[in-house]
C-alpha atoms as a PDB file:
ATOM      1  CA  MET A   1     -15.409  -8.073 -24.776  1.00  0.00           C
ATOM      2  CA  LYS A   2     -18.644  -9.571 -23.505  1.00  0.00           C
ATOM      3  CA  GLY A   3     -22.062  -9.970 -25.135  1.00  0.00           C
ATOM      4  CA  VAL A   4     -25.438  -9.734 -23.485  1.00  0.00           C
ATOM      5  CA  GLY A   5     -25.025  -8.645 -19.900  1.00  0.00           C
ATOM      6  CA  GLY A   6     -21.335  -8.039 -20.471  1.00  0.00           C
ATOM      7  CA  VAL A   7     -19.461  -4.833 -19.915  1.00  0.00           C
ATOM      8  CA  ARG A   8     -17.522  -3.387 -22.782  1.00  0.00           C
ATOM      9  CA  GLU A   9     -15.452  -0.239 -23.230  1.00  0.00           C
ATOM     10  CA  LEU A  10     -14.781   0.676 -26.840  1.00  0.00           C
ATOM     11  CA  PRO A  11     -12.816   3.559 -28.321  1.00  0.00           C
ATOM     12  CA  GLY A  12     -15.021   6.146 -30.028  1.00  0.00           C
ATOM     13  CA  ARG A  13     -14.125   5.128 -33.613  1.00  0.00           C
ATOM     14  CA  ALA A  14     -14.642   1.431 -32.961  1.00  0.00           C
ATOM     15  CA  LEU A  15     -17.940   2.055 -31.218  1.00  0.00           C
ATOM     16  CA  ALA A  16     -19.173   4.315 -34.014  1.00  0.00           C
ATOM     17  CA  GLY A  17     -18.410   1.549 -36.516  1.00  0.00           C
ATOM     18  CA  ALA A  18     -20.149  -1.028 -34.371  1.00  0.00           C
ATOM     19  CA  ILE A  19     -23.223   1.162 -34.021  1.00  0.00           C
ATOM     20  CA  THR A  20     -23.354   1.791 -37.781  1.00  0.00           C
ATOM     21  CA  ALA A  21     -23.071  -1.941 -38.465  1.00  0.00           C
ATOM     22  CA  ALA A  22     -25.806  -2.672 -35.948  1.00  0.00           C
ATOM     23  CA  LEU A  23     -28.131  -0.141 -37.561  1.00  0.00           C
ATOM     24  CA  LEU A  24     -27.508  -1.571 -41.038  1.00  0.00           C
ATOM     25  CA  LEU A  25     -28.125  -5.086 -39.759  1.00  0.00           C
ATOM     26  CA  ALA A  26     -31.316  -4.012 -38.035  1.00  0.00           C
ATOM     27  CA  THR A  27     -32.556  -2.404 -41.275  1.00  0.00           C
ATOM     28  CA  ALA A  28     -31.716  -5.488 -43.320  1.00  0.00           C
ATOM     29  CA  CYS A  29     -33.514  -7.752 -40.871  1.00  0.00           C
ATOM     30  CA  GLN A  30     -36.778  -5.792 -40.745  1.00  0.00           C
ATOM     31  CA  PRO A  31     -39.732  -8.223 -40.692  1.00  0.00           C
ATOM     32  CA  PRO A  32     -42.493  -7.996 -43.333  1.00  0.00           C
ATOM     33  CA  PRO A  33     -45.229  -5.406 -42.670  1.00  0.00           C
ATOM     34  CA  GLY A  34     -47.631  -6.527 -39.977  1.00  0.00           C
ATOM     35  CA  GLN A  35     -45.132  -8.841 -38.273  1.00  0.00           C
ATOM     36  CA  GLU A  36     -43.300  -6.245 -36.143  1.00  0.00           C
ATOM     37  CA  ALA A  37     -45.196  -7.241 -33.000  1.00  0.00           C
ATOM     38  CA  ALA A  38     -43.926 -10.804 -33.259  1.00  0.00           C
ATOM     39  CA  ARG A  39     -40.286  -9.756 -33.010  1.00  0.00           C
ATOM     40  CA  PRO A  40     -39.030 -10.078 -29.407  1.00  0.00           C
ATOM     41  CA  PRO A  41     -37.342  -6.968 -28.023  1.00  0.00           C
ATOM     42  CA  GLY A  42     -33.572  -7.027 -27.720  1.00  0.00           C
ATOM     43  CA  PRO A  43     -31.593  -6.261 -24.570  1.00  0.00           C
ATOM     44  CA  LEU A  44     -31.546  -2.712 -23.275  1.00  0.00           C
ATOM     45  CA  LEU A  45     -28.372  -0.803 -24.108  1.00  0.00           C
ATOM     46  CA  VAL A  46     -27.026   1.216 -21.179  1.00  0.00           C
ATOM     47  CA  SER A  47     -24.267   3.745 -21.877  1.00  0.00           C
ATOM     48  CA  ALA A  48     -22.583   4.430 -18.550  1.00  0.00           C
ATOM     49  CA  ALA A  49     -19.580   6.188 -17.068  1.00  0.00           C
ATOM     50  CA  SER A  50     -16.608   3.808 -16.958  1.00  0.00           C
ATOM     51  CA  SER A  51     -16.237   4.300 -13.200  1.00  0.00           C
ATOM     52  CA  LEU A  52     -19.435   2.245 -12.742  1.00  0.00           C
ATOM     53  CA  GLN A  53     -18.032  -0.870 -14.404  1.00  0.00           C
ATOM     54  CA  GLU A  54     -17.827  -3.117 -11.334  1.00  0.00           C
ATOM     55  CA  PRO A  55     -21.162  -2.277  -9.661  1.00  0.00           C
ATOM     56  CA  LEU A  56     -23.070  -2.486 -12.949  1.00  0.00           C
ATOM     57  CA  ARG A  57     -21.605  -5.906 -13.678  1.00  0.00           C
ATOM     58  CA  ALA A  58     -22.668  -7.047 -10.204  1.00  0.00           C
ATOM     59  CA  LEU A  59     -26.151  -5.562 -10.666  1.00  0.00           C
ATOM     60  CA  ALA A  60     -26.834  -7.179 -14.047  1.00  0.00           C
ATOM     61  CA  PRO A  61     -28.932 -10.044 -12.548  1.00  0.00           C
ATOM     62  CA  LEU A  62     -31.060  -7.569 -10.565  1.00  0.00           C
ATOM     63  CA  LEU A  63     -31.595  -5.398 -13.635  1.00  0.00           C
ATOM     64  CA  ALA A  64     -32.558  -8.450 -15.692  1.00  0.00           C
ATOM     65  CA  GLN A  65     -35.435  -9.087 -13.291  1.00  0.00           C
ATOM     66  CA  GLN A  66     -37.089  -5.899 -14.506  1.00  0.00           C
ATOM     67  CA  ARG A  67     -37.863  -7.602 -17.831  1.00  0.00           C
ATOM     68  CA  GLN A  68     -40.371 -10.350 -18.585  1.00  0.00           C
ATOM     69  CA  ARG A  69     -37.805 -12.260 -20.656  1.00  0.00           C
ATOM     70  CA  ARG A  70     -35.147 -11.777 -17.932  1.00  0.00           C
ATOM     71  CA  GLN A  71     -32.661 -10.326 -20.411  1.00  0.00           C
ATOM     72  CA  PRO A  72     -29.727  -8.591 -18.734  1.00  0.00           C
ATOM     73  CA  PRO A  73     -28.790  -5.247 -20.282  1.00  0.00           C
ATOM     74  CA  GLN A  74     -25.727  -4.581 -22.369  1.00  0.00           C
ATOM     75  CA  PHE A  75     -23.344  -1.972 -20.981  1.00  0.00           C
ATOM     76  CA  ASN A  76     -21.327   0.397 -23.129  1.00  0.00           C
ATOM     77  CA  LEU A  77     -18.719   2.113 -20.932  1.00  0.00           C
ATOM     78  CA  GLY A  78     -16.734   5.243 -21.584  1.00  0.00           C
ATOM     79  CA  SER A  79     -16.258   8.851 -20.576  1.00  0.00           C
ATOM     80  CA  SER A  80     -19.552  10.635 -19.958  1.00  0.00           C
ATOM     81  CA  GLY A  81     -18.734  13.322 -22.524  1.00  0.00           C
ATOM     82  CA  SER A  82     -17.963  10.797 -25.269  1.00  0.00           C
ATOM     83  CA  LEU A  83     -21.113   8.805 -24.499  1.00  0.00           C
ATOM     84  CA  LYS A  84     -23.169  12.008 -24.646  1.00  0.00           C
ATOM     85  CA  GLN A  85     -21.755  12.743 -28.096  1.00  0.00           C
ATOM     86  CA  GLN A  86     -22.681   9.253 -29.289  1.00  0.00           C
ATOM     87  CA  ILE A  87     -26.277   9.803 -28.175  1.00  0.00           C
ATOM     88  CA  GLU A  88     -26.327  13.168 -29.965  1.00  0.00           C
ATOM     89  CA  ARG A  89     -25.235  11.358 -33.144  1.00  0.00           C
ATOM     90  CA  GLY A  90     -28.115   8.896 -32.863  1.00  0.00           C
ATOM     91  CA  ALA A  91     -26.589   5.886 -31.088  1.00  0.00           C
ATOM     92  CA  PRO A  92     -29.387   3.371 -30.223  1.00  0.00           C
ATOM     93  CA  VAL A  93     -29.045   3.848 -26.458  1.00  0.00           C
ATOM     94  CA  ASP A  94     -31.892   3.206 -24.010  1.00  0.00           C
ATOM     95  CA  VAL A  95     -30.398   4.505 -20.748  1.00  0.00           C
ATOM     96  CA  PHE A  96     -27.596   6.991 -20.141  1.00  0.00           C
ATOM     97  CA  ILE A  97     -25.722   7.152 -16.816  1.00  0.00           C
ATOM     98  CA  ALA A  98     -23.307  10.064 -16.451  1.00  0.00           C
ATOM     99  CA  ALA A  99     -20.741  10.856 -13.766  1.00  0.00           C
ATOM    100  CA  GLY A 100     -21.944  14.437 -13.504  1.00  0.00           C
ATOM    101  CA  ASP A 101     -24.958  16.595 -14.195  1.00  0.00           C
ATOM    102  CA  GLN A 102     -23.681  18.560 -17.189  1.00  0.00           C
ATOM    103  CA  PRO A 103     -23.889  15.758 -19.825  1.00  0.00           C
ATOM    104  CA  ILE A 104     -27.431  14.983 -18.657  1.00  0.00           C
ATOM    105  CA  HIS A 105     -28.466  18.653 -18.634  1.00  0.00           C
ATOM    106  CA  GLN A 106     -27.027  19.202 -22.108  1.00  0.00           C
ATOM    107  CA  LEU A 107     -28.947  16.259 -23.576  1.00  0.00           C
ATOM    108  CA  ALA A 108     -32.128  17.381 -21.829  1.00  0.00           C
ATOM    109  CA  GLU A 109     -31.810  20.870 -23.289  1.00  0.00           C
ATOM    110  CA  LYS A 110     -31.693  19.295 -26.758  1.00  0.00           C
ATOM    111  CA  GLY A 111     -34.832  17.243 -26.073  1.00  0.00           C
ATOM    112  CA  LEU A 112     -32.949  13.940 -26.104  1.00  0.00           C
ATOM    113  CA  LEU A 113     -34.180  12.629 -22.721  1.00  0.00           C
ATOM    114  CA  LEU A 114     -37.644  11.506 -21.614  1.00  0.00           C
ATOM    115  CA  ALA A 115     -39.454  13.715 -19.136  1.00  0.00           C
ATOM    116  CA  GLY A 116     -39.484  12.477 -15.547  1.00  0.00           C
ATOM    117  CA  SER A 117     -36.984   9.687 -16.142  1.00  0.00           C
ATOM    118  CA  ARG A 118     -33.951  11.307 -14.539  1.00  0.00           C
ATOM    119  CA  ARG A 119     -32.745   9.862 -11.222  1.00  0.00           C
ATOM    120  CA  ALA A 120     -29.699  10.494  -9.028  1.00  0.00           C
ATOM    121  CA  ILE A 121     -28.345   7.023  -8.276  1.00  0.00           C
ATOM    122  CA  ALA A 122     -25.002   7.544  -6.490  1.00  0.00           C
ATOM    123  CA  SER A 123     -22.214   9.977  -5.683  1.00  0.00           C
ATOM    124  CA  ASN A 124     -18.456   9.751  -5.369  1.00  0.00           C
ATOM    125  CA  ARG A 125     -15.350  11.413  -3.934  1.00  0.00           C
ATOM    126  CA  LEU A 126     -12.324  12.768  -5.761  1.00  0.00           C
ATOM    127  CA  VAL A 127      -8.999  11.444  -4.487  1.00  0.00           C
ATOM    128  CA  LEU A 128      -5.314  11.836  -5.216  1.00  0.00           C
ATOM    129  CA  VAL A 129      -3.598   8.503  -5.881  1.00  0.00           C
ATOM    130  CA  VAL A 130      -0.013   7.342  -6.270  1.00  0.00           C
ATOM    131  CA  PRO A 131       1.458   3.905  -7.039  1.00  0.00           C
ATOM    132  CA  ALA A 132       1.166   1.557  -4.070  1.00  0.00           C
ATOM    133  CA  ARG A 133       4.954   1.346  -3.703  1.00  0.00           C
ATOM    134  CA  SER A 134       5.615   5.002  -4.409  1.00  0.00           C
ATOM    135  CA  PRO A 135       7.945   6.928  -2.104  1.00  0.00           C
ATOM    136  CA  ASN A 136       5.285   9.673  -2.230  1.00  0.00           C
ATOM    137  CA  ARG A 137       2.605   7.835  -0.238  1.00  0.00           C
ATOM    138  CA  SER A 138       1.960  10.925   1.897  1.00  0.00           C
ATOM    139  CA  LEU A 139       1.632  13.239  -1.116  1.00  0.00           C
ATOM    140  CA  SER A 140      -0.846  16.093  -0.575  1.00  0.00           C
ATOM    141  CA  PHE A 141      -2.549  18.213  -3.205  1.00  0.00           C
ATOM    142  CA  GLN A 142      -0.171  21.054  -2.365  1.00  0.00           C
ATOM    143  CA  GLY A 143       2.708  18.644  -2.953  1.00  0.00           C
ATOM    144  CA  LEU A 144       1.775  18.309  -6.626  1.00  0.00           C
ATOM    145  CA  GLY A 145       3.649  21.528  -7.214  1.00  0.00           C
ATOM    146  CA  SER A 146       6.946  20.094  -5.960  1.00  0.00           C
ATOM    147  CA  ASN A 147       9.791  19.195  -8.314  1.00  0.00           C
ATOM    148  CA  ARG A 148       9.626  15.512  -7.397  1.00  0.00           C
ATOM    149  CA  ILE A 149       6.248  15.190  -9.168  1.00  0.00           C
ATOM    150  CA  ARG A 150       6.684  15.480 -12.923  1.00  0.00           C
ATOM    151  CA  ARG A 151       3.608  13.787 -14.465  1.00  0.00           C
ATOM    152  CA  ILE A 152       0.030  13.937 -13.152  1.00  0.00           C
ATOM    153  CA  GLY A 153      -2.775  11.936 -14.748  1.00  0.00           C
ATOM    154  CA  ILE A 154      -6.135  13.677 -15.165  1.00  0.00           C
ATOM    155  CA  GLY A 155      -9.258  13.159 -17.248  1.00  0.00           C
ATOM    156  CA  ASP A 156      -9.486  15.137 -20.486  1.00  0.00           C
ATOM    157  CA  SER A 157     -12.292  17.546 -21.413  1.00  0.00           C
ATOM    158  CA  THR A 158     -14.765  14.692 -22.082  1.00  0.00           C
ATOM    159  CA  VAL A 159     -14.283  13.217 -18.600  1.00  0.00           C
ATOM    160  CA  PRO A 160     -16.224  14.736 -15.668  1.00  0.00           C
ATOM    161  CA  ALA A 161     -13.523  13.543 -13.262  1.00  0.00           C
ATOM    162  CA  GLY A 162     -11.104  15.760 -15.154  1.00  0.00           C
ATOM    163  CA  ASP A 163     -13.397  18.739 -14.598  1.00  0.00           C
ATOM    164  CA  TYR A 164     -13.593  17.994 -10.871  1.00  0.00           C
ATOM    165  CA  GLY A 165      -9.824  17.582 -10.790  1.00  0.00           C
ATOM    166  CA  ARG A 166      -9.192  20.947 -12.427  1.00  0.00           C
ATOM    167  CA  GLN A 167     -11.660  22.587 -10.049  1.00  0.00           C
ATOM    168  CA  THR A 168      -9.743  21.098  -7.128  1.00  0.00           C
ATOM    169  CA  LEU A 169      -6.394  22.268  -8.490  1.00  0.00           C
ATOM    170  CA  ALA A 170      -7.857  25.771  -8.837  1.00  0.00           C
ATOM    171  CA  TYR A 171      -9.147  25.590  -5.260  1.00  0.00           C
ATOM    172  CA  PHE A 172      -5.590  24.928  -4.047  1.00  0.00           C
ATOM    173  CA  LYS A 173      -4.251  27.648  -6.418  1.00  0.00           C
ATOM    174  CA  LEU A 174      -2.190  25.087  -8.291  1.00  0.00           C
ATOM    175  CA  SER A 175      -3.582  25.440 -11.833  1.00  0.00           C
ATOM    176  CA  ALA A 176      -0.690  27.403 -13.294  1.00  0.00           C
ATOM    177  CA  VAL A 177       2.003  25.528 -11.384  1.00  0.00           C
ATOM    178  CA  VAL A 178       0.918  22.012 -12.379  1.00  0.00           C
ATOM    179  CA  SER A 179      -0.392  22.751 -15.884  1.00  0.00           C
ATOM    180  CA  PRO A 180       2.842  21.583 -17.632  1.00  0.00           C
ATOM    181  CA  LYS A 181       2.698  18.340 -15.636  1.00  0.00           C
ATOM    182  CA  LEU A 182      -0.858  17.328 -16.507  1.00  0.00           C
ATOM    183  CA  VAL A 183      -1.338  14.266 -18.748  1.00  0.00           C
ATOM    184  CA  PRO A 184      -4.959  14.256 -20.036  1.00  0.00           C
ATOM    185  CA  MET A 185      -6.562  10.833 -20.558  1.00  0.00           C
ATOM    186  CA  GLY A 186      -9.815   9.600 -22.071  1.00  0.00           C
ATOM    187  CA  SER A 187     -11.388   8.081 -18.958  1.00  0.00           C
ATOM    188  CA  VAL A 188     -10.945   8.117 -15.208  1.00  0.00           C
ATOM    189  CA  ARG A 189     -10.174   4.384 -15.338  1.00  0.00           C
ATOM    190  CA  ALA A 190      -7.336   5.098 -17.774  1.00  0.00           C
ATOM    191  CA  VAL A 191      -5.895   7.573 -15.258  1.00  0.00           C
ATOM    192  CA  ALA A 192      -6.113   5.020 -12.446  1.00  0.00           C
ATOM    193  CA  GLN A 193      -4.359   2.374 -14.538  1.00  0.00           C
ATOM    194  CA  ALA A 194      -1.648   4.799 -15.624  1.00  0.00           C
ATOM    195  CA  VAL A 195      -0.870   5.560 -11.981  1.00  0.00           C
ATOM    196  CA  ALA A 196      -0.936   1.889 -11.025  1.00  0.00           C
ATOM    197  CA  THR A 197       1.616   1.028 -13.723  1.00  0.00           C
ATOM    198  CA  GLY A 198       3.857   3.978 -12.903  1.00  0.00           C
ATOM    199  CA  ALA A 199       3.290   5.727 -16.237  1.00  0.00           C
ATOM    200  CA  VAL A 200       2.520   8.843 -14.177  1.00  0.00           C
ATOM    201  CA  GLU A 201       3.550   9.612 -10.608  1.00  0.00           C
ATOM    202  CA  ALA A 202       0.129  10.726  -9.397  1.00  0.00           C
ATOM    203  CA  GLY A 203      -3.427  11.041 -10.623  1.00  0.00           C
ATOM    204  CA  LEU A 204      -6.852  12.476  -9.803  1.00  0.00           C
ATOM    205  CA  VAL A 205      -9.535   9.779  -9.808  1.00  0.00           C
ATOM    206  CA  TYR A 206     -12.723   8.753  -8.048  1.00  0.00           C
ATOM    207  CA  ALA A 207     -12.485   6.879  -4.766  1.00  0.00           C
ATOM    208  CA  SER A 208     -14.362   3.958  -6.341  1.00  0.00           C
ATOM    209  CA  ASP A 209     -11.711   3.606  -9.049  1.00  0.00           C
ATOM    210  CA  ALA A 210      -8.956   3.727  -6.438  1.00  0.00           C
ATOM    211  CA  LEU A 211     -10.593   0.740  -4.738  1.00  0.00           C
ATOM    212  CA  SER A 212     -11.217  -1.172  -7.976  1.00  0.00           C
ATOM    213  CA  VAL A 213      -7.740  -0.900  -9.531  1.00  0.00           C
ATOM    214  CA  ALA A 214      -4.868  -2.782  -7.921  1.00  0.00           C
ATOM    215  CA  ASN A 215      -1.558  -1.209  -6.904  1.00  0.00           C
ATOM    216  CA  LEU A 216      -2.974   2.203  -6.001  1.00  0.00           C
ATOM    217  CA  HIS A 217      -2.637   4.175  -2.792  1.00  0.00           C
ATOM    218  CA  ILE A 218      -4.922   7.070  -1.843  1.00  0.00           C
ATOM    219  CA  SER A 219      -2.653   9.813  -0.528  1.00  0.00           C
ATOM    220  CA  ALA A 220      -5.281  12.557  -0.148  1.00  0.00           C
ATOM    221  CA  VAL A 221      -9.030  13.160  -0.439  1.00  0.00           C
ATOM    222  CA  ALA A 222     -10.278  16.360  -2.055  1.00  0.00           C
ATOM    223  CA  PRO A 223     -12.386  18.522   0.283  1.00  0.00           C
ATOM    224  CA  PRO A 224     -16.055  18.512  -0.786  1.00  0.00           C
ATOM    225  CA  GLN A 225     -15.991  22.297  -1.179  1.00  0.00           C
ATOM    226  CA  SER A 226     -13.097  22.112  -3.659  1.00  0.00           C
ATOM    227  CA  HIS A 227     -15.262  20.871  -6.554  1.00  0.00           C
ATOM    228  CA  ALA A 228     -18.860  20.545  -7.711  1.00  0.00           C
ATOM    229  CA  PRO A 229     -20.839  17.596  -6.272  1.00  0.00           C
ATOM    230  CA  ILE A 230     -19.964  14.312  -7.988  1.00  0.00           C
ATOM    231  CA  THR A 231     -23.408  12.898  -8.687  1.00  0.00           C
ATOM    232  CA  TYR A 232     -24.258  10.013 -11.027  1.00  0.00           C
ATOM    233  CA  LEU A 233     -27.473  10.691 -12.930  1.00  0.00           C
ATOM    234  CA  ALA A 234     -29.398   8.131 -14.982  1.00  0.00           C
ATOM    235  CA  ALA A 235     -32.082   8.939 -17.548  1.00  0.00           C
ATOM    236  CA  VAL A 236     -33.990   7.299 -20.397  1.00  0.00           C
ATOM    237  CA  VAL A 237     -32.977   8.401 -23.882  1.00  0.00           C
ATOM    238  CA  ALA A 238     -35.901   9.828 -25.863  1.00  0.00           C
ATOM    239  CA  SER A 239     -35.240   7.569 -28.860  1.00  0.00           C
ATOM    240  CA  SER A 240     -35.426   4.349 -26.814  1.00  0.00           C
ATOM    241  CA  ARG A 241     -37.750   1.772 -28.391  1.00  0.00           C
ATOM    242  CA  GLN A 242     -38.388   0.286 -24.953  1.00  0.00           C
ATOM    243  CA  PRO A 243     -39.029   3.360 -22.781  1.00  0.00           C
ATOM    244  CA  ARG A 244     -41.189   1.530 -20.251  1.00  0.00           C
ATOM    245  CA  GLU A 245     -38.545  -1.085 -19.503  1.00  0.00           C
ATOM    246  CA  ALA A 246     -35.798   1.533 -19.612  1.00  0.00           C
ATOM    247  CA  ARG A 247     -37.646   3.526 -16.945  1.00  0.00           C
ATOM    248  CA  ALA A 248     -37.952   0.392 -14.821  1.00  0.00           C
ATOM    249  CA  LEU A 249     -34.193  -0.176 -15.092  1.00  0.00           C
ATOM    250  CA  VAL A 250     -33.435   3.384 -13.976  1.00  0.00           C
ATOM    251  CA  GLN A 251     -35.808   2.988 -11.044  1.00  0.00           C
ATOM    252  CA  ALA A 252     -34.143  -0.314 -10.083  1.00  0.00           C
ATOM    253  CA  LEU A 253     -30.832   1.534  -9.699  1.00  0.00           C
ATOM    254  CA  THR A 254     -32.345   3.514  -6.803  1.00  0.00           C
ATOM    255  CA  THR A 255     -33.509   0.465  -4.801  1.00  0.00           C
ATOM    256  CA  PRO A 256     -31.852  -0.495  -1.494  1.00  0.00           C
ATOM    257  CA  GLN A 257     -30.284  -3.565  -3.125  1.00  0.00           C
ATOM    258  CA  ALA A 258     -28.662  -1.468  -5.835  1.00  0.00           C
ATOM    259  CA  GLN A 259     -27.565   1.195  -3.361  1.00  0.00           C
ATOM    260  CA  GLU A 260     -25.883  -1.445  -1.224  1.00  0.00           C
ATOM    261  CA  GLU A 261     -23.973  -2.697  -4.281  1.00  0.00           C
ATOM    262  CA  PHE A 262     -22.823   0.823  -5.061  1.00  0.00           C
ATOM    263  CA  ARG A 263     -21.571   1.220  -1.483  1.00  0.00           C
ATOM    264  CA  ARG A 264     -19.656  -2.063  -1.731  1.00  0.00           C
ATOM    265  CA  HIS A 265     -17.701  -0.544  -4.609  1.00  0.00           C
ATOM    266  CA  GLY A 266     -16.793   2.696  -2.861  1.00  0.00           C
ATOM    267  CA  LEU A 267     -19.681   4.881  -4.029  1.00  0.00           C
ATOM    268  CA  LEU A 268     -21.863   6.998  -1.760  1.00  0.00           C
ATOM    269  CA  ALA A 269     -25.566   7.815  -1.534  1.00  0.00           C
ATOM    270  CA  PRO A 270     -26.799  10.286  -4.177  1.00  0.00           C
ATOM    271  CA  ALA A 271     -25.986  13.930  -3.568  1.00  0.00           C
ATOM    272  CA  PRO A 272     -28.606  16.660  -4.130  1.00  0.00           C
ATOM    273  CA  PRO A 273     -28.685  18.061  -7.695  1.00  0.00           C
ATOM    274  CA  ALA A 274     -26.394  21.016  -8.230  1.00  0.00           C
ATOM    275  CA  ALA A 275     -28.863  23.005 -10.358  1.00  0.00           C
ATOM    276  CA  PRO A 276     -32.538  22.966 -11.384  1.00  0.00           C
ATOM    277  CA  ALA A 277     -33.264  20.479 -14.151  1.00  0.00           C
ATOM    278  CA  PRO A 278     -34.026  21.954 -17.587  1.00  0.00           C
ATOM    279  CA  LYS A 279     -37.174  20.956 -19.436  1.00  0.00           C
ATOM    280  CA  GLU A 280     -37.160  17.567 -21.128  1.00  0.00           C
ATOM    281  CA  THR A 281     -39.016  16.019 -24.066  1.00  0.00           C
ATOM    282  CA  LYS A 282     -42.405  14.529 -23.354  1.00  0.00           C
ATOM    283  CA  PRO A 283     -42.581  10.767 -24.079  1.00  0.00           C
END
């Protein structure tokens, strides 16, 4: 687990404990009245979908340039649904990046995002993967219903990739057939790793994860019409104590340099939003 500028992925219970400890420490270390301005700001905390791990690590130096003190942000990685819940419980997050529009829309409807801060920064594709040395290297989506496939990894209800995967299975009229075979997991990266190790025979993941995890083979790509657009949205959390710098970080993720880094890791240019944005809290 890394510190400033590092990328960390913690289970929900561990992260909740860490956040509570951080809040208690911050309260205990409050400076005397009148001295708040002298305290230097800490690094921005960015809660982001785990599928962005590699590009965000590569972009840390660029994002640090958005701050006068050149502090790189800290990244907290996990499933978008779990990260959304942490923000709803008061986690001290500055920027939220979700692998789908629903977590962002739901926070906005609760007034937990700053108005005008939302940006689409990238998009992705859903793919079917098998172990690199699998005898099923030509497996199609329709083939998931065959007897030779017994376990299929998929994101659970907190993971947008799982939602896209279930939409795709419904598109191919496979929902009922493959339901007993589905193995829900807490992040799309966990699904990719389970396939790579042979714990499951196939899995539904993002194309970027298929490129980032070793020992995977993409056997099929989901048609774009089989699921909702996979768009990564970034926004500033309303409770951020550094909203100006958080906005600058979000904007930096849309620059040509950042977009090129996303492409290097298998991501695509941002897709249009799937629905009108709900109203957000004024800063």
